[in-house]
Amino acid sequence: QVQLVESGGGLVQAGGSLRLSCAASGSIFSINPMGWYRQAPGKQRELVATISSGGSTNYADSVKGRFTISRDNAKNTVYLQMNSLKPEDTAVYYCYAALFPNDYWGQGTQVTVSS
């Protein structure tokens, strides 16, 4: 069983930055992958970024070059550094963890980017 708690969302102007954190209960070393998804109003949940236990990363095309995902296994935490934010990045961001055979989700944190 894994519990995920996100933090770091908020309101920011376009061009600004935010850093999201996702703290996992227990050791995350075996969780593979971990990542972030987001869901905007009226849209489906979509992948933002994932990171494997070995540190390999994957990003949605829309965030490449602006967002960076990282994980600190010692702190059981995954981060999403978001730079050059755009209004279209506005969404609820969800932390995700895969620990076979189950998937786990956080409660979500709101990110709002004003123009």
Protein backbone atom coordinates (compact mmCIF):
# COMPACT_ATOMS: atom_id res chain seq x y z
CA GLN A 1 0.00 0.00 0.00
CA VAL A 2 1.28 3.45 -0.97
CA GLN A 3 -0.10 6.83 0.05
CA LEU A 4 0.82 9.93 -1.93
CA VAL A 5 0.49 13.52 -0.71
CA GLU A 6 1.06 16.40 -3.13
CA SER A 7 1.97 19.97 -2.26
CA GLY A 8 3.22 23.10 -3.96
CA GLY A 9 0.35 24.10 -6.19
CA GLY A 10 -0.98 27.63 -6.36
CA LEU A 11 -1.60 30.69 -8.48
CA VAL A 12 1.19 32.11 -10.61
CA GLN A 13 1.46 34.54 -13.50
CA ALA A 14 2.39 33.35 -16.96
CA GLY A 15 6.14 32.95 -17.24
CA GLY A 16 6.47 32.12 -13.56
CA SER A 17 7.59 28.95 -11.81
CA LEU A 18 6.24 26.46 -9.31
CA ARG A 19 7.63 23.28 -7.78
CA LEU A 20 5.32 20.43 -6.92
CA SER A 21 6.26 17.79 -4.37
CA CYS A 22 4.82 14.32 -3.86
CA ALA A 23 5.66 12.57 -0.62
CA ALA A 24 5.10 8.82 -0.57
CA SER A 25 4.53 6.72 2.49
CA GLY A 26 7.08 3.96 2.71
CA SER A 27 10.05 3.41 0.47
CA ILE A 28 9.66 4.50 -3.13
CA PHE A 29 12.70 2.62 -4.35
CA SER A 30 10.55 -0.19 -5.70
CA ILE A 31 7.96 2.08 -7.24
CA ASN A 32 8.45 2.19 -10.97
CA PRO A 33 7.60 4.53 -12.42
CA MET A 34 6.44 7.57 -10.50
CA GLY A 35 5.10 10.59 -12.23
CA TRP A 36 2.70 13.45 -12.65
CA TYR A 37 -0.53 13.70 -14.58
CA ARG A 38 -2.86 16.64 -14.92
CA GLN A 39 -6.51 17.25 -15.67
CA ALA A 40 -7.93 20.52 -16.88
CA PRO A 41 -11.66 21.31 -16.66
CA GLY A 42 -13.59 19.43 -19.32
CA LYS A 43 -10.54 17.48 -20.45
CA GLN A 44 -9.19 14.00 -19.87
CA ARG A 45 -6.35 13.34 -17.47
CA GLU A 46 -3.06 13.45 -19.35
CA LEU A 47 0.53 12.46 -18.73
CA VAL A 48 2.90 15.25 -17.77
CA ALA A 49 6.10 13.40 -16.84
CA THR A 50 7.32 10.12 -15.41
CA ILE A 51 10.57 8.95 -13.87
CA SER A 52 11.76 5.38 -13.46
CA SER A 53 13.49 3.93 -10.42
CA GLY A 54 16.72 4.25 -12.38
CA GLY A 55 16.11 7.90 -13.14
CA SER A 56 14.98 7.67 -16.76
CA THR A 57 12.48 10.40 -17.57
CA ASN A 58 9.65 10.86 -20.02
CA TYR A 59 7.79 14.09 -20.77
CA ALA A 60 4.73 15.19 -22.65
CA ASP A 61 5.69 17.21 -25.72
CA SER A 62 3.80 20.20 -24.35
CA VAL A 63 6.10 20.50 -21.31
CA LYS A 64 9.47 19.44 -22.71
CA GLY A 65 12.12 22.03 -22.00
CA ARG A 66 10.00 23.72 -19.34
CA PHE A 67 9.28 21.05 -16.72
CA THR A 68 11.74 18.80 -14.91
CA ILE A 69 10.85 15.71 -12.91
CA SER A 70 13.16 14.31 -10.26
CA ARG A 71 13.01 11.86 -7.39
CA ASP A 72 14.78 11.61 -4.06
CA ASN A 73 14.56 8.02 -2.90
CA ALA A 74 16.07 8.89 0.48
CA LYS A 75 13.21 11.34 1.13
CA ASN A 76 10.55 9.22 -0.57
CA THR A 77 9.66 12.26 -2.65
CA VAL A 78 9.14 13.10 -6.30
CA TYR A 79 9.32 16.66 -7.57
CA LEU A 80 8.06 18.52 -10.61
CA GLN A 81 9.84 21.79 -11.32
CA MET A 82 7.67 23.86 -13.64
CA ASN A 83 9.20 26.89 -15.37
CA SER A 84 7.90 29.26 -18.03
CA LEU A 85 4.36 28.40 -17.06
CA LYS A 86 1.56 29.10 -19.52
CA PRO A 87 -2.19 29.58 -18.97
CA GLU A 88 -2.75 26.25 -20.71
CA ASP A 89 -0.82 24.55 -17.89
CA THR A 90 -3.73 25.35 -15.58
CA ALA A 91 -5.05 22.05 -14.19
CA VAL A 92 -5.23 19.80 -11.17
CA TYR A 93 -1.93 17.94 -10.98
CA TYR A 94 -1.92 14.38 -9.66
CA CYS A 95 1.01 12.37 -8.41
CA TYR A 96 1.10 8.78 -9.70
CA ALA A 97 2.95 5.70 -8.53
CA ALA A 98 3.05 2.22 -10.00
CA LEU A 99 3.84 -0.60 -7.60
CA PHE A 100 2.95 -3.82 -9.35
CA PRO A 101 0.19 -4.85 -9.59
CA ASN A 102 -1.43 -1.63 -8.38
CA ASP A 103 -1.51 2.02 -9.40
CA TYR A 104 -1.75 4.76 -6.79
CA TRP A 105 -2.85 8.39 -7.06
CA GLY A 106 -2.55 11.44 -4.85
CA GLN A 107 -5.47 13.73 -4.07
CA GLY A 108 -4.34 16.37 -6.55
CA THR A 109 -3.08 19.92 -6.25
CA GLN A 110 -4.42 22.89 -8.21
CA VAL A 111 -2.11 24.89 -10.45
CA THR A 112 -3.54 28.07 -11.92
CA VAL A 113 -1.57 30.21 -14.37
CA SER A 114 -2.96 33.66 -15.07
CA SER A 115 -2.30 35.51 -18.31
